[in-house]
């Protein structure tokens, strides 16, 4: 009886250990999702950089010696718009990672 319990226990433990291991396909799937999320975050960073550069160009086009309110508003609107877009991309990256 004691040997029978050892065998059953060993089989149960092996089944548990094997079920806990990810398959190669699962690992590949997770890697693909992680890479996709990383690319989305990189795209968000580029969007922020481009938005900041665009806002800087708007501010530099101001012909006066002092910043005009309309120029400031246009630059700020550009920054806010690109920040919202970048935030959405990062949220999408988070959702992709949650699929793992």
N, C-alpha and C. Protein backbone atom coordinates (compact mmCIF):
# COMPACT_ATOMS: atom_id res chain seq x y z
N UNK A 1 0.82 -1.19 0.00
CA UNK A 1 0.00 0.00 0.00
C UNK A 1 0.87 1.26 0.00
N UNK A 2 1.94 1.23 0.76
CA UNK A 2 2.83 2.38 0.86
C UNK A 2 3.47 2.70 -0.49
N UNK A 3 3.87 1.66 -1.24
CA UNK A 3 4.45 1.86 -2.57
C UNK A 3 3.42 2.45 -3.52
N UNK A 4 2.19 1.99 -3.38
CA UNK A 4 1.11 2.50 -4.23
C UNK A 4 0.91 4.01 -4.01
N UNK A 5 0.96 4.46 -2.77
CA UNK A 5 0.83 5.88 -2.47
C UNK A 5 2.00 6.69 -3.03
N UNK A 6 3.19 6.11 -2.96
CA UNK A 6 4.36 6.80 -3.51
C UNK A 6 4.22 6.99 -5.02
N UNK A 7 3.74 5.96 -5.69
CA UNK A 7 3.56 6.04 -7.14
C UNK A 7 2.50 7.08 -7.48
N UNK A 8 1.39 7.05 -6.79
CA UNK A 8 0.32 8.02 -7.04
C UNK A 8 0.81 9.44 -6.76
N UNK A 9 1.50 9.60 -5.66
CA UNK A 9 2.03 10.91 -5.31
C UNK A 9 3.01 11.40 -6.37
N UNK A 10 3.88 10.53 -6.84
CA UNK A 10 4.86 10.88 -7.86
C UNK A 10 4.17 11.28 -9.16
N UNK A 11 3.16 10.54 -9.55
CA UNK A 11 2.42 10.85 -10.78
C UNK A 11 1.72 12.20 -10.65
N UNK A 12 1.12 12.45 -9.51
CA UNK A 12 0.44 13.72 -9.29
C UNK A 12 1.44 14.88 -9.33
N UNK A 13 2.57 14.71 -8.70
CA UNK A 13 3.59 15.77 -8.69
C UNK A 13 4.13 16.02 -10.10
N UNK A 14 4.38 14.97 -10.85
CA UNK A 14 4.86 15.14 -12.22
C UNK A 14 3.82 15.86 -13.08
N UNK A 15 2.58 15.49 -12.92
CA UNK A 15 1.51 16.15 -13.67
C UNK A 15 1.44 17.63 -13.32
N UNK A 16 1.58 17.93 -12.06
CA UNK A 16 1.55 19.33 -11.61
C UNK A 16 2.74 20.10 -12.18
N UNK A 17 3.91 19.53 -12.11
CA UNK A 17 5.12 20.19 -12.61
C UNK A 17 5.02 20.43 -14.11
N UNK A 18 4.58 19.43 -14.83
CA UNK A 18 4.48 19.57 -16.29
C UNK A 18 3.41 20.56 -16.70
N UNK A 19 2.34 20.62 -15.95
CA UNK A 19 1.28 21.58 -16.30
C UNK A 19 1.70 23.01 -15.99
N UNK A 20 2.63 23.19 -15.09
CA UNK A 20 3.09 24.53 -14.73
C UNK A 20 4.07 25.10 -15.75
N UNK A 21 4.68 24.25 -16.54
CA UNK A 21 5.65 24.70 -17.54
C UNK A 21 4.93 25.24 -18.76
N UNK A 22 5.44 26.35 -19.28
CA UNK A 22 4.89 26.90 -20.51
C UNK A 22 5.44 26.12 -21.70
N UNK A 23 4.61 25.95 -22.67
CA UNK A 23 5.06 25.29 -23.88
C UNK A 23 5.87 26.28 -24.71
N UNK A 24 6.55 25.77 -25.70
CA UNK A 24 7.31 26.65 -26.59
C UNK A 24 6.38 27.62 -27.30
N UNK A 25 5.23 27.11 -27.70
CA UNK A 25 4.27 27.98 -28.38
C UNK A 25 3.79 29.10 -27.47
N UNK A 26 3.55 28.77 -26.22
CA UNK A 26 3.11 29.78 -25.25
C UNK A 26 4.21 30.82 -25.03
N UNK A 27 5.44 30.36 -24.92
CA UNK A 27 6.56 31.30 -24.76
C UNK A 27 6.69 32.20 -25.98
N UNK A 28 6.56 31.63 -27.17
CA UNK A 28 6.63 32.44 -28.39
C UNK A 28 5.51 33.47 -28.43
N UNK A 29 4.31 33.03 -28.07
CA UNK A 29 3.16 33.93 -28.07
C UNK A 29 3.40 35.09 -27.10
N UNK A 30 3.89 34.78 -25.91
CA UNK A 30 4.17 35.83 -24.93
C UNK A 30 5.26 36.78 -25.43
N UNK A 31 6.28 36.24 -26.07
CA UNK A 31 7.35 37.09 -26.61
C UNK A 31 6.83 38.02 -27.70
N UNK A 32 5.97 37.49 -28.56
CA UNK A 32 5.39 38.32 -29.62
C UNK A 32 4.56 39.45 -29.02
N UNK A 33 3.75 39.12 -28.02
CA UNK A 33 2.93 40.15 -27.38
C UNK A 33 3.80 41.19 -26.69
N UNK A 34 4.86 40.75 -26.04
CA UNK A 34 5.75 41.69 -25.36
C UNK A 34 6.43 42.62 -26.37
N UNK A 35 6.87 42.06 -27.48
CA UNK A 35 7.51 42.88 -28.52
C UNK A 35 6.51 43.88 -29.10
N UNK A 36 5.29 43.44 -29.30
CA UNK A 36 4.26 44.33 -29.83
C UNK A 36 3.99 45.48 -28.86
N UNK A 37 3.93 45.17 -27.58
CA UNK A 37 3.72 46.20 -26.56
C UNK A 37 4.91 47.16 -26.51
N UNK A 38 6.11 46.62 -26.61
CA UNK A 38 7.31 47.47 -26.62
C UNK A 38 7.29 48.43 -27.80
N UNK A 39 6.92 47.92 -28.97
CA UNK A 39 6.85 48.79 -30.16
C UNK A 39 5.81 49.89 -29.96
N UNK A 40 4.70 49.55 -29.32
CA UNK A 40 3.65 50.54 -29.09
C UNK A 40 4.17 51.62 -28.13
N UNK A 41 4.92 51.24 -27.12
CA UNK A 41 5.49 52.23 -26.20
C UNK A 41 6.54 53.10 -26.90
N UNK A 42 7.33 52.50 -27.77
CA UNK A 42 8.30 53.28 -28.53
C UNK A 42 7.59 54.29 -29.43
N UNK A 43 6.49 53.86 -30.02
CA UNK A 43 5.70 54.75 -30.87
C UNK A 43 5.13 55.91 -30.03
N UNK A 44 4.71 55.61 -28.82
CA UNK A 44 4.20 56.66 -27.93
C UNK A 44 5.30 57.67 -27.60
N UNK A 45 6.50 57.17 -27.35
CA UNK A 45 7.63 58.08 -27.07
C UNK A 45 7.94 58.96 -28.27
N UNK A 46 7.91 58.36 -29.46
CA UNK A 46 8.17 59.16 -30.68
C UNK A 46 7.07 60.20 -30.88
N UNK A 47 5.84 59.84 -30.57
CA UNK A 47 4.73 60.78 -30.70
C UNK A 47 4.93 61.97 -29.77
N UNK A 48 5.33 61.69 -28.54
CA UNK A 48 5.61 62.78 -27.60
C UNK A 48 6.73 63.68 -28.11
N UNK A 49 7.80 63.06 -28.59
CA UNK A 49 8.93 63.85 -29.10
C UNK A 49 8.51 64.72 -30.28
N UNK A 50 7.75 64.14 -31.19
CA UNK A 50 7.30 64.91 -32.35
C UNK A 50 6.36 66.04 -31.94
N UNK A 51 5.50 65.77 -30.97
CA UNK A 51 4.59 66.80 -30.49
C UNK A 51 5.32 67.95 -29.85
N UNK A 52 6.32 67.63 -29.07
CA UNK A 52 7.12 68.68 -28.43
C UNK A 52 7.88 69.49 -29.48
N UNK A 53 8.41 68.81 -30.48
CA UNK A 53 9.13 69.52 -31.55
C UNK A 53 8.17 70.42 -32.33
N UNK A 54 6.96 69.93 -32.59
CA UNK A 54 5.98 70.75 -33.30
C UNK A 54 5.59 71.97 -32.47
N UNK A 55 5.40 71.77 -31.18
CA UNK A 55 5.05 72.90 -30.30
C UNK A 55 6.20 73.91 -30.26
N UNK A 56 7.42 73.43 -30.23
CA UNK A 56 8.57 74.34 -30.25
C UNK A 56 8.62 75.14 -31.55
N UNK A 57 8.32 74.48 -32.66
CA UNK A 57 8.31 75.21 -33.95
C UNK A 57 7.23 76.29 -33.95
N UNK A 58 6.08 75.98 -33.38
CA UNK A 58 4.99 76.97 -33.30
C UNK A 58 5.46 78.18 -32.50
N UNK A 59 6.11 77.92 -31.38
CA UNK A 59 6.59 79.02 -30.54
C UNK A 59 7.67 79.84 -31.23
N UNK A 60 8.51 79.20 -32.01
CA UNK A 60 9.59 79.92 -32.70
C UNK A 60 9.07 80.76 -33.86
N UNK A 61 7.90 80.43 -34.37
CA UNK A 61 7.33 81.20 -35.48
C UNK A 61 6.73 82.52 -35.02
N UNK A 62 6.60 82.71 -33.72
CA UNK A 62 6.01 83.94 -33.20
C UNK A 62 6.90 85.12 -33.60
N UNK A 63 6.36 86.05 -34.39
CA UNK A 63 7.19 87.14 -34.89
C UNK A 63 7.53 88.20 -33.84
N UNK A 64 6.78 88.25 -32.77
CA UNK A 64 7.01 89.29 -31.77
C UNK A 64 8.16 88.93 -30.83
N UNK A 65 8.58 89.93 -30.08
CA UNK A 65 9.63 89.69 -29.11
C UNK A 65 9.10 88.95 -27.88
N UNK A 66 7.82 89.11 -27.62
CA UNK A 66 7.20 88.39 -26.51
C UNK A 66 6.22 87.38 -27.08
N UNK A 67 6.03 86.33 -26.36
CA UNK A 67 5.09 85.31 -26.82
C UNK A 67 3.67 85.86 -26.80
N UNK A 68 2.96 85.61 -27.88
CA UNK A 68 1.57 86.05 -27.92
C UNK A 68 0.69 84.95 -27.34
N UNK A 69 -0.44 85.32 -26.77
CA UNK A 69 -1.33 84.31 -26.19
C UNK A 69 -1.79 83.27 -27.20
N UNK A 70 -2.03 83.69 -28.44
CA UNK A 70 -2.49 82.72 -29.44
C UNK A 70 -1.40 81.70 -29.77
N UNK A 71 -0.17 82.15 -29.80
CA UNK A 71 0.94 81.23 -30.05
C UNK A 71 1.07 80.25 -28.88
N UNK A 72 0.98 80.77 -27.68
CA UNK A 72 1.06 79.91 -26.50
C UNK A 72 -0.06 78.87 -26.50
N UNK A 73 -1.27 79.32 -26.85
CA UNK A 73 -2.41 78.39 -26.88
C UNK A 73 -2.21 77.31 -27.94
N UNK A 74 -1.73 77.71 -29.10
CA UNK A 74 -1.52 76.75 -30.18
C UNK A 74 -0.45 75.72 -29.80
N UNK A 75 0.63 76.19 -29.20
CA UNK A 75 1.70 75.28 -28.79
C UNK A 75 1.20 74.33 -27.70
N UNK A 76 0.47 74.87 -26.74
CA UNK A 76 -0.05 74.04 -25.65
C UNK A 76 -1.07 73.03 -26.17
N UNK A 77 -1.90 73.44 -27.11
CA UNK A 77 -2.88 72.52 -27.70
C UNK A 77 -2.17 71.37 -28.42
N UNK A 78 -1.09 71.69 -29.09
CA UNK A 78 -0.31 70.65 -29.78
C UNK A 78 0.28 69.68 -28.77
N UNK A 79 0.83 70.21 -27.70
CA UNK A 79 1.40 69.35 -26.66
C UNK A 79 0.33 68.44 -26.04
N UNK A 80 -0.81 69.02 -25.72
CA UNK A 80 -1.88 68.24 -25.09
C UNK A 80 -2.41 67.16 -26.03
N UNK A 81 -2.56 67.51 -27.28
CA UNK A 81 -3.07 66.55 -28.26
C UNK A 81 -2.13 65.36 -28.43
N UNK A 82 -0.85 65.66 -28.57
CA UNK A 82 0.10 64.56 -28.75
C UNK A 82 0.26 63.75 -27.46
N UNK A 83 0.13 64.40 -26.33
CA UNK A 83 0.21 63.67 -25.05
C UNK A 83 -0.96 62.71 -24.91
N UNK A 84 -2.16 63.15 -25.31
CA UNK A 84 -3.32 62.26 -25.27
C UNK A 84 -3.12 61.06 -26.19
N UNK A 85 -2.60 61.32 -27.38
CA UNK A 85 -2.35 60.23 -28.32
C UNK A 85 -1.32 59.25 -27.75
N UNK A 86 -0.27 59.78 -27.17
CA UNK A 86 0.77 58.92 -26.60
C UNK A 86 0.22 58.12 -25.42
N UNK A 87 -0.60 58.74 -24.60
CA UNK A 87 -1.21 58.03 -23.47
C UNK A 87 -2.08 56.88 -23.96
N UNK A 88 -2.83 57.11 -25.03
CA UNK A 88 -3.67 56.05 -25.59
C UNK A 88 -2.82 54.89 -26.09
N UNK A 89 -1.70 55.21 -26.70
CA UNK A 89 -0.80 54.15 -27.17
C UNK A 89 -0.24 53.34 -26.01
N UNK A 90 0.11 54.01 -24.93
CA UNK A 90 0.63 53.30 -23.77
C UNK A 90 -0.45 52.44 -23.12
N UNK A 91 -1.67 52.93 -23.11
CA UNK A 91 -2.78 52.12 -22.58
C UNK A 91 -2.99 50.88 -23.45
N UNK A 92 -2.85 51.06 -24.75
CA UNK A 92 -2.98 49.92 -25.65
C UNK A 92 -1.85 48.92 -25.40
N UNK A 93 -0.65 49.41 -25.15
CA UNK A 93 0.47 48.52 -24.83
C UNK A 93 0.19 47.74 -23.55
N UNK A 94 -0.40 48.40 -22.57
CA UNK A 94 -0.76 47.71 -21.33
C UNK A 94 -1.79 46.61 -21.59
N UNK A 95 -2.78 46.91 -22.43
CA UNK A 95 -3.80 45.90 -22.75
C UNK A 95 -3.18 44.71 -23.49
N UNK A 96 -2.21 44.99 -24.34
CA UNK A 96 -1.53 43.91 -25.05
C UNK A 96 -0.79 43.02 -24.05
N UNK A 97 -0.11 43.65 -23.10
CA UNK A 97 0.62 42.87 -22.09
C UNK A 97 -0.31 42.03 -21.23
N UNK A 98 -1.51 42.52 -20.99
CA UNK A 98 -2.47 41.77 -20.18
C UNK A 98 -2.94 40.50 -20.88
N UNK A 99 -2.75 40.41 -22.18
CA UNK A 99 -3.16 39.23 -22.93
C UNK A 99 -2.24 38.04 -22.68
N UNK A 100 -1.09 38.30 -22.09
CA UNK A 100 -0.13 37.22 -21.86
C UNK A 100 -0.63 36.24 -20.83
